[in-house]
Protein backbone atom coordinates (compact mmCIF):
# COMPACT_ATOMS: atom_id res chain seq x y z
CA UNK A 1 -12.26 28.45 -4.25
CA UNK A 2 -9.89 29.37 -6.83
CA UNK A 3 -6.33 27.70 -6.73
CA UNK A 4 -4.13 30.63 -6.69
CA UNK A 5 -5.77 32.63 -3.87
CA UNK A 6 -5.82 29.08 -1.70
CA UNK A 7 -2.05 28.33 -2.36
CA UNK A 8 -1.48 32.40 -1.18
CA UNK A 9 -3.66 31.50 1.98
CA UNK A 10 -1.23 28.24 3.04
CA UNK A 11 1.88 30.17 2.65
CA UNK A 12 0.61 33.12 4.34
CA UNK A 13 -0.40 30.70 7.35
CA UNK A 14 2.99 29.15 7.45
CA UNK A 15 4.90 32.46 7.01
CA UNK A 16 2.86 33.76 9.99
CA UNK A 17 3.76 31.12 12.26
CA UNK A 18 7.51 30.93 11.45
CA UNK A 19 8.50 34.79 11.11
CA UNK A 20 8.65 35.42 14.74
CA UNK A 21 10.74 31.96 15.48
CA UNK A 22 13.81 33.69 15.16
CA UNK A 23 13.11 36.08 18.03
CA UNK A 24 10.94 34.25 20.42
CA UNK A 25 14.08 32.80 22.28
CA UNK A 26 15.23 36.53 23.19
CA UNK A 27 12.02 37.61 23.92
CA UNK A 28 11.45 35.71 27.38
CA UNK A 29 15.38 35.80 28.45
CA UNK A 30 14.36 36.31 32.26
CA UNK A 31 12.38 32.92 32.21
CA UNK A 32 13.78 30.60 34.77
CA UNK A 33 13.94 28.08 31.78
CA UNK A 34 14.06 29.97 28.09
CA UNK A 35 14.12 26.58 26.22
CA UNK A 36 10.84 25.25 28.15
CA UNK A 37 9.23 28.69 27.48
CA UNK A 38 10.43 28.56 23.89
CA UNK A 39 8.73 25.15 23.50
CA UNK A 40 5.81 26.00 25.21
CA UNK A 41 5.06 29.07 22.95
CA UNK A 42 5.69 26.64 20.16
CA UNK A 43 3.33 24.07 21.77
CA UNK A 44 0.54 26.24 22.58
CA UNK A 45 -0.11 27.21 18.83
CA UNK A 46 -0.55 23.63 17.94
CA UNK A 47 -2.37 22.55 21.02
CA UNK A 48 -5.00 25.09 19.93
CA UNK A 49 -5.22 23.59 16.72
CA UNK A 50 -5.87 20.26 18.25
CA UNK A 51 -8.97 21.25 20.24
CA UNK A 52 -10.63 23.44 17.40
CA UNK A 53 -9.84 22.15 13.69
CA UNK A 54 -12.71 19.46 14.58
CA UNK A 55 -14.99 22.29 15.37
CA UNK A 56 -13.98 24.03 12.16
CA UNK A 57 -14.76 21.45 10.21
CA UNK A 58 -18.59 21.77 11.14
CA UNK A 59 -18.30 25.22 10.30
CA UNK A 60 -17.13 24.40 6.90
CA UNK A 61 -20.49 22.46 6.40
CA UNK A 62 -22.38 25.63 6.16
CA UNK A 63 -20.01 28.08 5.14
CA UNK A 64 -18.02 28.53 1.77
CA UNK A 65 -14.33 27.93 1.40
CA UNK A 66 -13.48 31.40 0.98
CA UNK A 67 -15.13 32.86 3.87
CA UNK A 68 -13.72 30.40 6.48
CA UNK A 69 -10.43 30.87 4.92
CA UNK A 70 -10.65 34.45 5.04
CA UNK A 71 -11.83 34.76 8.68
CA UNK A 72 -8.96 32.37 9.52
CA UNK A 73 -6.43 34.75 7.93
CA UNK A 74 -7.76 37.84 9.47
CA UNK A 75 -8.11 35.96 13.19
CA UNK A 76 -4.68 35.28 12.86
CA UNK A 77 -3.73 38.67 12.27
CA UNK A 78 -5.48 39.99 15.18
CA UNK A 79 -3.62 37.57 17.45
CA UNK A 80 -0.16 38.26 15.93
CA UNK A 81 -1.10 41.98 17.15
CA UNK A 82 -1.54 40.88 20.46
CA UNK A 83 2.00 39.66 20.85
CA UNK A 84 3.32 43.28 21.10
CA UNK A 85 1.18 44.15 24.14
CA UNK A 86 3.38 42.67 26.38
CA UNK A 87 6.51 40.21 26.69
CA UNK A 88 5.11 38.67 29.52
CA UNK A 89 5.02 34.78 28.92
CA UNK A 90 1.10 34.41 29.87
CA UNK A 91 0.40 37.17 27.36
CA UNK A 92 2.70 35.59 24.60
CA UNK A 93 1.18 32.34 25.35
CA UNK A 94 -2.64 33.41 24.80
CA UNK A 95 -1.54 35.47 21.73
CA UNK A 96 0.02 32.30 20.09
CA UNK A 97 -2.91 30.14 21.25
CA UNK A 98 -5.43 32.54 19.91
CA UNK A 99 -3.30 32.48 16.53
CA UNK A 100 -3.46 28.63 16.72
CA UNK A 101 -7.14 28.53 16.78
CA UNK A 102 -7.75 30.64 13.84
CA UNK A 103 -5.05 28.64 11.92
CA UNK A 104 -6.94 25.25 12.44
CA UNK A 105 -9.76 26.60 10.21
CA UNK A 106 -7.46 27.14 7.18
CA UNK A 107 -5.92 23.78 6.37
CA UNK A 108 -9.04 21.32 6.56
CA UNK A 109 -10.93 24.07 3.89
CA UNK A 110 -8.15 24.40 1.67
CA UNK A 111 -7.08 20.86 1.44
CA UNK A 112 -11.04 19.79 0.95
CA UNK A 113 -11.62 22.35 -1.35
CA UNK A 114 -8.52 21.35 -3.60
CA UNK A 115 -9.38 17.46 -3.49
CA UNK A 116 -13.32 18.35 -4.44
CA UNK A 117 -11.68 20.52 -7.42
CA UNK A 118 -9.60 17.68 -8.90
CA UNK A 119 -10.14 15.85 -11.83
CA UNK A 120 -8.46 12.52 -11.07
CA UNK A 121 -6.70 10.83 -8.41
CA UNK A 122 -3.41 11.79 -9.98
CA UNK A 123 -4.58 15.48 -9.75
CA UNK A 124 -5.84 15.40 -6.17
CA UNK A 125 -2.31 14.08 -5.30
CA UNK A 126 -0.92 17.02 -7.32
CA UNK A 127 -3.36 19.39 -5.69
CA UNK A 128 -2.59 18.49 -1.94
CA UNK A 129 1.00 18.31 -2.54
CA UNK A 130 1.01 22.07 -4.34
CA UNK A 131 -0.70 23.00 -1.01
CA UNK A 132 2.19 21.71 1.20
CA UNK A 133 4.49 23.14 -1.37
CA UNK A 134 3.17 26.75 -0.95
CA UNK A 135 3.09 26.25 3.21
CA UNK A 136 6.91 25.19 2.61
CA UNK A 137 7.67 28.32 0.60
CA UNK A 138 5.82 30.26 3.54
CA UNK A 139 8.09 28.07 6.10
CA UNK A 140 11.20 28.94 3.75
CA UNK A 141 10.67 32.74 3.93
CA UNK A 142 9.06 33.21 7.31
CA UNK A 143 12.12 32.75 9.80
CA UNK A 144 14.44 34.52 7.32
CA UNK A 145 12.34 37.20 6.85
CA UNK A 146 11.89 37.37 10.57
CA UNK A 147 15.20 37.40 11.35
CA UNK A 148 16.14 40.18 8.39
CA UNK A 149 13.45 42.60 10.03
CA UNK A 150 14.68 42.39 13.75
CA UNK A 151 17.89 43.81 13.83
CA UNK A 152 17.48 44.32 17.51
CA UNK A 153 16.09 41.17 18.34
CA UNK A 154 12.45 42.54 18.68
CA UNK A 155 9.17 41.25 17.81
CA UNK A 156 7.85 44.37 16.09
CA UNK A 157 9.58 44.03 12.70
CA UNK A 158 8.40 40.29 12.39
CA UNK A 159 4.70 40.80 13.89
CA UNK A 160 3.94 43.58 11.45
CA UNK A 161 5.16 41.75 8.40
CA UNK A 162 3.24 38.88 9.44
CA UNK A 163 0.17 40.70 9.47
CA UNK A 164 0.85 42.53 6.15
CA UNK A 165 0.88 39.20 4.84
CA UNK A 166 -2.04 37.53 6.18
CA UNK A 167 -4.14 40.49 5.54
CA UNK A 168 -3.21 40.72 1.90
CA UNK A 169 -3.93 36.86 1.40
CA UNK A 170 -7.33 37.38 3.06
CA UNK A 171 -7.98 40.26 0.68
CA UNK A 172 -7.23 37.72 -2.32
CA UNK A 173 -9.86 35.37 -1.46
CA UNK A 174 -12.37 34.78 -3.86
CA UNK A 175 -14.90 32.03 -4.36
CA UNK A 176 -14.86 29.39 -6.85
CA UNK A 177 -17.18 27.36 -9.12
CA UNK A 178 -17.64 24.94 -6.48
CA UNK A 179 -17.24 27.24 -3.50
CA UNK A 180 -21.00 26.95 -2.07
CA UNK A 181 -20.01 24.52 0.82
CA UNK A 182 -16.83 22.21 1.27
CA UNK A 183 -18.78 19.16 1.73
CA UNK A 184 -21.11 18.33 -1.47
CA UNK A 185 -24.16 16.21 -0.59
CA UNK A 186 -24.61 12.82 -1.95
CA UNK A 187 -23.46 9.32 -1.30
CA UNK A 188 -19.53 8.50 -1.34
CA UNK A 189 -17.24 5.69 -1.23
CA UNK A 190 -17.39 4.32 2.46
CA UNK A 191 -14.42 5.27 4.73
CA UNK A 192 -11.87 2.86 5.76
CA UNK A 193 -11.61 3.76 9.28
CA UNK A 194 -8.84 1.42 10.08
CA UNK A 195 -6.64 2.54 7.40
CA UNK A 196 -7.36 6.39 8.14
CA UNK A 197 -6.54 5.76 11.80
CA UNK A 198 -2.73 4.37 10.70
CA UNK A 199 -2.23 7.14 8.43
CA UNK A 200 -3.31 9.73 10.99
CA UNK A 201 -1.18 8.29 13.52
CA UNK A 202 1.75 8.33 10.85
CA UNK A 203 1.20 11.97 10.16
CA UNK A 204 1.09 12.81 13.85
CA UNK A 205 4.24 11.29 14.43
CA UNK A 206 5.91 12.82 11.45
CA UNK A 207 4.85 16.28 12.78
CA UNK A 208 6.01 15.30 16.22
CA UNK A 209 9.31 14.44 14.96
CA UNK A 210 9.64 17.70 13.12
CA UNK A 211 8.61 19.76 15.97
CA UNK A 212 11.12 18.15 18.08
CA UNK A 213 13.95 19.30 15.74
CA UNK A 214 12.84 22.74 15.52
CA UNK A 215 12.75 23.28 19.14
CA UNK A 216 16.17 21.61 19.51
CA UNK A 217 17.57 23.65 16.74
CA UNK A 218 16.28 26.74 17.84
CA UNK A 219 17.22 26.27 21.48
CA UNK A 220 20.91 24.98 20.68
CA UNK A 221 21.57 27.30 18.02
CA UNK A 222 20.67 30.61 20.18
CA UNK A 223 21.79 29.27 23.55
CA UNK A 224 24.46 26.65 22.97
CA UNK A 225 26.12 27.88 19.55
CA UNK A 226 25.09 31.62 20.27
CA UNK A 227 23.88 32.12 16.66
CA UNK A 228 22.05 35.49 15.92
CA UNK A 229 18.25 35.80 14.92
CA UNK A 230 19.46 36.31 11.62
CA UNK A 231 21.57 33.23 11.40
CA UNK A 232 18.81 31.01 13.16
CA UNK A 233 16.49 32.43 10.43
CA UNK A 234 18.78 31.43 7.63
CA UNK A 235 18.97 27.79 9.11
CA UNK A 236 15.27 27.37 9.26
CA UNK A 237 15.11 28.59 5.67
CA UNK A 238 18.02 26.15 4.48
CA UNK A 239 15.21 23.39 6.10
CA UNK A 240 12.57 24.96 3.93
CA UNK A 241 14.72 24.65 1.07
CA UNK A 242 15.42 21.10 1.24
CA UNK A 243 11.95 20.27 2.18
CA UNK A 244 10.75 21.98 -1.25
CA UNK A 245 13.52 20.10 -3.13
CA UNK A 246 12.65 16.78 -1.83
CA UNK A 247 9.23 17.10 -2.41
CA UNK A 248 9.31 18.78 -5.90
CA UNK A 249 11.52 15.54 -6.91
CA UNK A 250 8.91 13.20 -5.42
CA UNK A 251 5.70 14.79 -6.36
CA UNK A 252 6.57 16.06 -9.77
CA UNK A 253 4.13 16.30 -12.48
CA UNK A 254 2.36 13.42 -13.64
CA UNK A 255 3.71 11.41 -10.43
CA UNK A 256 2.41 7.99 -9.18
CA UNK A 257 0.78 8.43 -6.12
CA UNK A 258 1.56 4.70 -4.97
CA UNK A 259 5.15 5.34 -5.85
CA UNK A 260 5.22 8.43 -3.73
CA UNK A 261 4.07 6.56 -0.67
CA UNK A 262 7.17 4.13 -1.43
CA UNK A 263 9.39 7.26 -0.20
CA UNK A 264 7.33 7.27 3.17
CA UNK A 265 9.69 4.27 5.00
CA UNK A 266 13.04 6.07 3.92
CA UNK A 267 11.49 9.28 5.09
CA UNK A 268 11.18 8.09 8.49
CA UNK A 269 14.69 6.60 8.57
CA UNK A 270 16.39 9.72 7.66
CA UNK A 271 14.43 11.75 10.01
CA UNK A 272 15.61 9.56 12.88
CA UNK A 273 18.86 10.05 11.52
CA UNK A 274 18.79 13.75 11.37
CA UNK A 275 17.50 13.86 14.98
CA UNK A 276 20.25 11.59 16.19
CA UNK A 277 23.09 13.64 14.65
CA UNK A 278 21.67 17.06 16.47
CA UNK A 279 21.23 15.46 19.81
CA UNK A 280 24.47 13.44 20.02
CA UNK A 281 27.18 15.11 18.24
CA UNK A 282 26.11 19.02 18.61
CA UNK A 283 27.98 21.81 16.92
CA UNK A 284 27.11 23.72 13.81
CA UNK A 285 28.05 21.27 11.05
CA UNK A 286 26.05 18.30 12.58
CA UNK A 287 23.08 20.56 13.00
CA UNK A 288 23.31 21.53 9.08
CA UNK A 289 23.48 17.79 8.34
CA UNK A 290 20.62 16.97 10.71
CA UNK A 291 18.81 19.77 9.16
CA UNK A 292 19.23 18.49 5.50
CA UNK A 293 18.18 14.86 6.78
CA UNK A 294 15.08 16.00 8.78
CA UNK A 295 13.97 18.41 6.28
CA UNK A 296 14.10 15.77 3.19
CA UNK A 297 12.04 13.47 4.99
CA UNK A 298 9.84 16.03 6.14
CA UNK A 299 9.05 17.16 2.48
CA UNK A 300 7.72 13.92 1.43
CA UNK A 301 6.10 12.68 4.87
CA UNK A 302 3.15 14.81 4.93
CA UNK A 303 1.93 15.44 1.35
CA UNK A 304 1.97 11.76 0.74
CA UNK A 305 0.09 10.91 3.85
CA UNK A 306 -2.37 13.63 3.47
CA UNK A 307 -3.51 12.24 0.14
CA UNK A 308 -3.71 8.76 1.22
CA UNK A 309 -5.95 10.17 4.35
CA UNK A 310 -7.78 11.75 1.68
CA UNK A 311 -8.24 8.69 -0.48
CA UNK A 312 -9.11 6.27 2.40
CA UNK A 313 -11.78 8.56 4.00
CA UNK A 314 -14.04 8.30 0.93
CA UNK A 315 -17.18 10.27 2.01
CA UNK A 316 -16.14 11.17 5.35
CA UNK A 317 -12.87 13.23 3.46
CA UNK A 318 -13.62 16.69 5.21
CA UNK A 319 -13.90 15.15 8.55
CA UNK A 320 -10.74 13.13 8.24
CA UNK A 321 -8.82 16.06 7.05
CA UNK A 322 -9.91 17.69 10.08
CA UNK A 323 -8.95 15.31 12.08
CA UNK A 324 -5.74 15.11 10.24
CA UNK A 325 -4.91 18.73 11.20
CA UNK A 326 -6.07 17.96 15.00
CA UNK A 327 -3.68 15.22 15.31
CA UNK A 328 -0.61 16.29 13.31
CA UNK A 329 -1.09 19.41 15.45
CA UNK A 330 -1.10 17.43 18.55
CA UNK A 331 1.97 15.85 17.39
CA UNK A 332 3.46 19.36 16.93
CA UNK A 333 2.57 20.27 20.32
CA UNK A 334 3.75 17.19 22.09
CA UNK A 335 7.18 17.20 19.82
CA UNK A 336 7.41 21.09 20.86
CA UNK A 337 7.40 20.20 24.48
CA UNK A 338 9.27 17.29 24.42
CA UNK A 339 12.12 19.04 22.32
CA UNK A 340 12.43 21.22 25.43
CA UNK A 341 13.56 18.25 27.26
CA UNK A 342 14.90 15.63 24.67
CA UNK A 343 17.96 18.05 24.25
CA UNK A 344 18.83 18.40 27.70
CA UNK A 345 21.78 16.62 29.30
CA UNK A 346 19.32 14.37 31.56
CA UNK A 347 18.56 10.90 31.78
CA UNK A 348 15.11 11.51 30.97
CA UNK A 349 15.96 13.69 28.28
CA UNK A 350 17.87 10.78 26.60
CA UNK A 351 15.39 8.34 27.47
CA UNK A 352 12.67 10.57 25.59
CA UNK A 353 14.68 10.88 22.70
CA UNK A 354 15.54 7.54 22.40
CA UNK A 355 11.89 6.29 22.41
CA UNK A 356 11.03 9.11 19.43
CA UNK A 357 14.07 7.38 17.51
CA UNK A 358 12.32 3.68 18.04
CA UNK A 359 9.14 4.99 17.19
CA UNK A 360 10.36 6.42 14.00
CA UNK A 361 11.94 3.28 13.12
CA UNK A 362 8.78 1.22 13.86
CA UNK A 363 7.00 3.95 11.69
CA UNK A 364 9.20 3.03 8.66
CA UNK A 365 8.54 -0.67 8.91
CA UNK A 366 4.65 -0.20 9.29
CA UNK A 367 4.96 2.22 5.89
CA UNK A 368 7.36 -0.09 4.15
CA UNK A 369 4.61 -3.13 4.96
CA UNK A 370 1.78 -1.05 3.62
CA UNK A 371 3.85 0.30 0.50
CA UNK A 372 1.73 -1.72 -1.83
CA UNK A 373 -1.92 -0.77 -0.49
CA UNK A 374 -1.36 2.37 1.78
CA UNK A 375 -5.03 2.81 2.42
CA UNK A 376 -5.91 -0.89 2.68
CA UNK A 377 -6.80 -1.29 -1.02
CA UNK A 378 -4.86 -1.72 -4.17
CA UNK A 379 -4.31 1.53 -6.57
CA UNK A 380 -6.51 1.39 -9.61
CA UNK A 381 -4.79 2.09 -12.90
CA UNK A 382 -6.30 5.10 -13.51
CA UNK A 383 -4.25 6.73 -10.61
CA UNK A 384 -0.74 5.70 -11.97
CA UNK A 385 1.47 7.62 -13.85
CA UNK A 386 -0.36 7.73 -16.89
CA UNK A 387 -3.16 9.91 -15.12
CA UNK A 388 -3.68 13.49 -16.37
CA UNK A 389 -3.00 16.32 -13.60
């Protein structure tokens, strides 16, 4: 499939996810535990992706990439319309889960198509980073747009905006020269299963940490600091800006994929520091400082890990990228649920947060130990900085 429609689809999926975030805390004010309900609404989206991403990979073996992506976008649009049916938590959970089911189809299809269209390892790394960058732009504008079009803190404006963007992105999908099937026939390099598993676990932990922060920021900003939907939307947008800047610095044109991986360990460390700031200091300025740190780490982690998962997977690339979507979604779901407890002033919440911080630091040490061979093999000279993009 063509590059620009693919980038548009990546941005649209991220925008559709984030456009309702600023108003979700106010949609269920009658819930006994608004923070828990908010966490469940975010977690069910990711949980649906966990279950269905591997199934969508099988569909990718038989359908062109642009059709899979178009179906994904239209399905998400239909699911978002269901959010307007009722403000009952069960209806909202069902609609968010259905949106997650269709969203699970897009990312593996887009990543595998981009990887197969690359002319070199450096080009593959750049194309995958471009997809992540497009998603960041969607994440950047989604909450801000949602807050701006919801003056009464209602869902109508954000939902209609998300539906319009998804439908336009679906209409833009076109077949590319290599879009007959996502998984070309023929032998490929053998997958390195142990290395893929390690990289998948790192990616899922990074996703969990980001979700914990999103839930913590959303609930504390609305319920503790009493920020409006517009103000919360701009805070999420600021997170996207920082992620975009950090990614642009590390994944600049003609970058070295091995050098990009060397930023993974520091990124886990700054993510842990950002979570600690938000949890233990609180208030507006510590939240902003934590946002900068977590966003800077997240901007590097997923693109770097996605490239090396793709590289270590060999001939099983599409399947591994499908499992990446599934496991990172599992991390997001668990992170969303954990976020509802980690920032509570309880012993269990403190223990949960401490365990997450220790896990992030352990991941940093593991990434540091693998910095010279992230996929279990040295990087060939053809993929270094001199590789064309």
